[in-house]
Amino acid sequence: MERPPVKLLDRARYRIRLKGYSIRTEQSYVSWIRRFILFHNKRHPQDMGKGEIEAYLTHLAVNRHVSPSTQNQAFNALLFLYRNVLQKDLVASTYPMRWQKNTKTPTWNSSGSMCFQLKRFPLIQEAA
């Protein structure tokens, strides 16, 4: 009697454990993989490619308003799925729309304006 084929998420769990990832990483990756499949109406990832991955990650940024680090976590979960579970390397050049981190520092943080701001508070002046 033949054994039934192993389900995709079980294969992903097995590969994650084989690589020695933490249980929380396993839970997170499996959750992102499940969401990716559900987003594409339960299509198997083997039948999808770069376009579907970009569409999902762009959806996370534009419609779900997730942070860049959350989007990167989802991307890494899908990268793991394709590289380690499905043995496909089609995701390496995927570049979806991403939220940009704000790298500008506020102008009031300069040393001159900081001294000005501190002088406005009398309790701070007395302590200094």
Protein backbone atom coordinates (compact mmCIF):
# COMPACT_ATOMS: atom_id res chain seq x y z
CA MET A 1 0.00 0.00 0.00
CA GLU A 2 1.39 3.39 -1.00
CA ARG A 3 1.77 6.22 1.45
CA PRO A 4 -0.17 9.39 0.63
CA PRO A 5 1.96 12.30 -0.57
CA VAL A 6 3.23 14.62 2.16
CA LYS A 7 1.44 17.96 2.25
CA LEU A 8 3.35 21.08 1.30
CA LEU A 9 3.21 22.74 4.73
CA ASP A 10 4.38 19.51 6.38
CA ARG A 11 7.29 19.36 3.94
CA ALA A 12 8.11 22.98 4.80
CA ARG A 13 8.01 22.20 8.54
CA TYR A 14 10.29 19.22 8.01
CA ARG A 15 12.84 21.28 6.05
CA ILE A 16 12.78 24.09 8.63
CA ARG A 17 13.43 21.61 11.44
CA LEU A 18 16.12 19.88 9.41
CA LYS A 19 17.96 23.20 9.10
CA GLY A 20 17.69 23.78 12.87
CA TYR A 21 15.53 26.91 12.77
CA SER A 22 13.67 27.92 15.92
CA ILE A 23 10.06 26.90 16.54
CA ARG A 24 8.94 30.54 16.27
CA THR A 25 10.61 30.84 12.86
CA GLU A 26 8.84 27.67 11.80
CA GLN A 27 5.47 29.00 12.93
CA SER A 28 6.08 32.34 11.22
CA TYR A 29 7.27 30.85 7.92
CA VAL A 30 4.42 28.34 7.74
CA SER A 31 1.95 31.14 8.46
CA TRP A 32 3.36 33.32 5.65
CA ILE A 33 3.34 30.39 3.23
CA ARG A 34 -0.28 29.63 4.12
CA ARG A 35 -1.29 33.27 3.61
CA PHE A 36 0.50 33.32 0.24
CA ILE A 37 -1.43 30.24 -0.91
CA LEU A 38 -4.76 31.64 0.31
CA PHE A 39 -4.07 35.01 -1.32
CA HIS A 40 -3.81 33.21 -4.67
CA ASN A 41 -7.04 31.24 -4.16
CA LYS A 42 -5.35 28.03 -2.94
CA ARG A 43 -3.12 27.59 -5.98
CA HIS A 44 -0.08 25.40 -5.39
CA PRO A 45 3.17 27.40 -5.21
CA GLN A 46 4.74 24.97 -7.69
CA ASP A 47 2.37 26.42 -10.31
CA MET A 48 3.20 30.02 -9.41
CA GLY A 49 6.26 32.11 -10.08
CA LYS A 50 7.92 35.46 -9.71
CA GLY A 51 4.85 37.46 -10.76
CA GLU A 52 2.64 35.95 -8.06
CA ILE A 53 5.29 36.50 -5.40
CA GLU A 54 5.69 40.15 -6.41
CA ALA A 55 1.90 40.60 -6.44
CA TYR A 56 1.59 39.18 -2.92
CA LEU A 57 4.43 41.24 -1.46
CA THR A 58 3.14 44.37 -3.16
CA HIS A 59 -0.32 43.62 -1.72
CA LEU A 60 1.22 43.45 1.75
CA ALA A 61 2.88 46.85 1.32
CA VAL A 62 0.10 48.72 -0.48
CA ASN A 63 -3.13 47.23 0.88
CA ARG A 64 -2.10 45.80 4.24
CA HIS A 65 0.37 48.60 5.07
CA VAL A 66 2.90 46.25 6.65
CA SER A 67 6.30 47.55 7.68
CA PRO A 68 9.40 46.82 5.59
CA SER A 69 10.66 44.31 8.16
CA THR A 70 7.35 42.42 8.06
CA GLN A 71 7.45 42.40 4.28
CA ASN A 72 11.02 41.09 4.39
CA GLN A 73 9.95 38.32 6.76
CA ALA A 74 7.22 37.25 4.33
CA PHE A 75 9.71 37.41 1.47
CA ASN A 76 12.22 35.25 3.36
CA ALA A 77 9.53 32.68 4.12
CA LEU A 78 8.63 32.47 0.42
CA LEU A 79 12.30 32.37 -0.53
CA PHE A 80 12.78 29.43 1.86
CA LEU A 81 9.74 27.69 0.37
CA TYR A 82 10.96 27.97 -3.20
CA ARG A 83 14.65 27.25 -2.53
CA ASN A 84 14.48 24.56 0.13
CA VAL A 85 11.09 22.88 -0.25
CA LEU A 86 10.29 23.16 -3.95
CA GLN A 87 13.94 23.34 -5.11
CA LYS A 88 13.20 26.24 -7.47
CA ASP A 89 15.42 29.32 -7.60
CA LEU A 90 13.18 31.76 -9.41
CA VAL A 91 12.74 34.26 -6.60
CA ALA A 92 16.25 35.70 -6.38
CA SER A 93 15.50 38.74 -8.54
CA THR A 94 12.03 39.46 -7.15
CA TYR A 95 11.60 43.14 -6.37
CA PRO A 96 8.10 44.11 -5.23
CA MET A 97 6.96 47.57 -4.19
CA ARG A 98 8.26 48.16 -0.68
CA TRP A 99 7.59 50.70 2.00
CA GLN A 100 10.47 53.10 2.36
CA LYS A 101 11.97 53.62 5.76
CA ASN A 102 12.15 57.27 6.81
CA THR A 103 15.86 58.05 7.04
CA LYS A 104 15.55 61.78 7.65
CA THR A 105 16.24 62.97 11.17
CA PRO A 106 14.06 65.74 12.50
CA THR A 107 15.59 69.21 12.17
CA TRP A 108 14.97 70.03 15.83
CA ASN A 109 17.54 67.38 16.77
CA SER A 110 20.48 69.61 15.90
CA SER A 111 22.62 70.63 18.88
CA GLY A 112 21.70 74.34 18.67
CA SER A 113 17.98 73.76 18.61
CA MET A 114 18.25 71.08 21.29
CA CYS A 115 19.84 73.60 23.68
CA PHE A 116 17.08 76.05 22.79
CA GLN A 117 14.43 73.43 23.55
CA LEU A 118 16.04 72.50 26.88
CA LYS A 119 16.17 76.15 27.99
CA ARG A 120 12.40 76.32 27.59
CA PHE A 121 11.94 73.90 30.51
CA PRO A 122 12.91 75.48 33.83
CA LEU A 123 13.10 72.16 35.74
CA ILE A 124 15.75 70.87 33.42
CA GLN A 125 17.80 74.06 33.79
CA GLU A 126 17.76 73.77 37.60
CA ALA A 127 18.89 70.15 37.47
CA ALA A 128 21.76 71.00 35.14
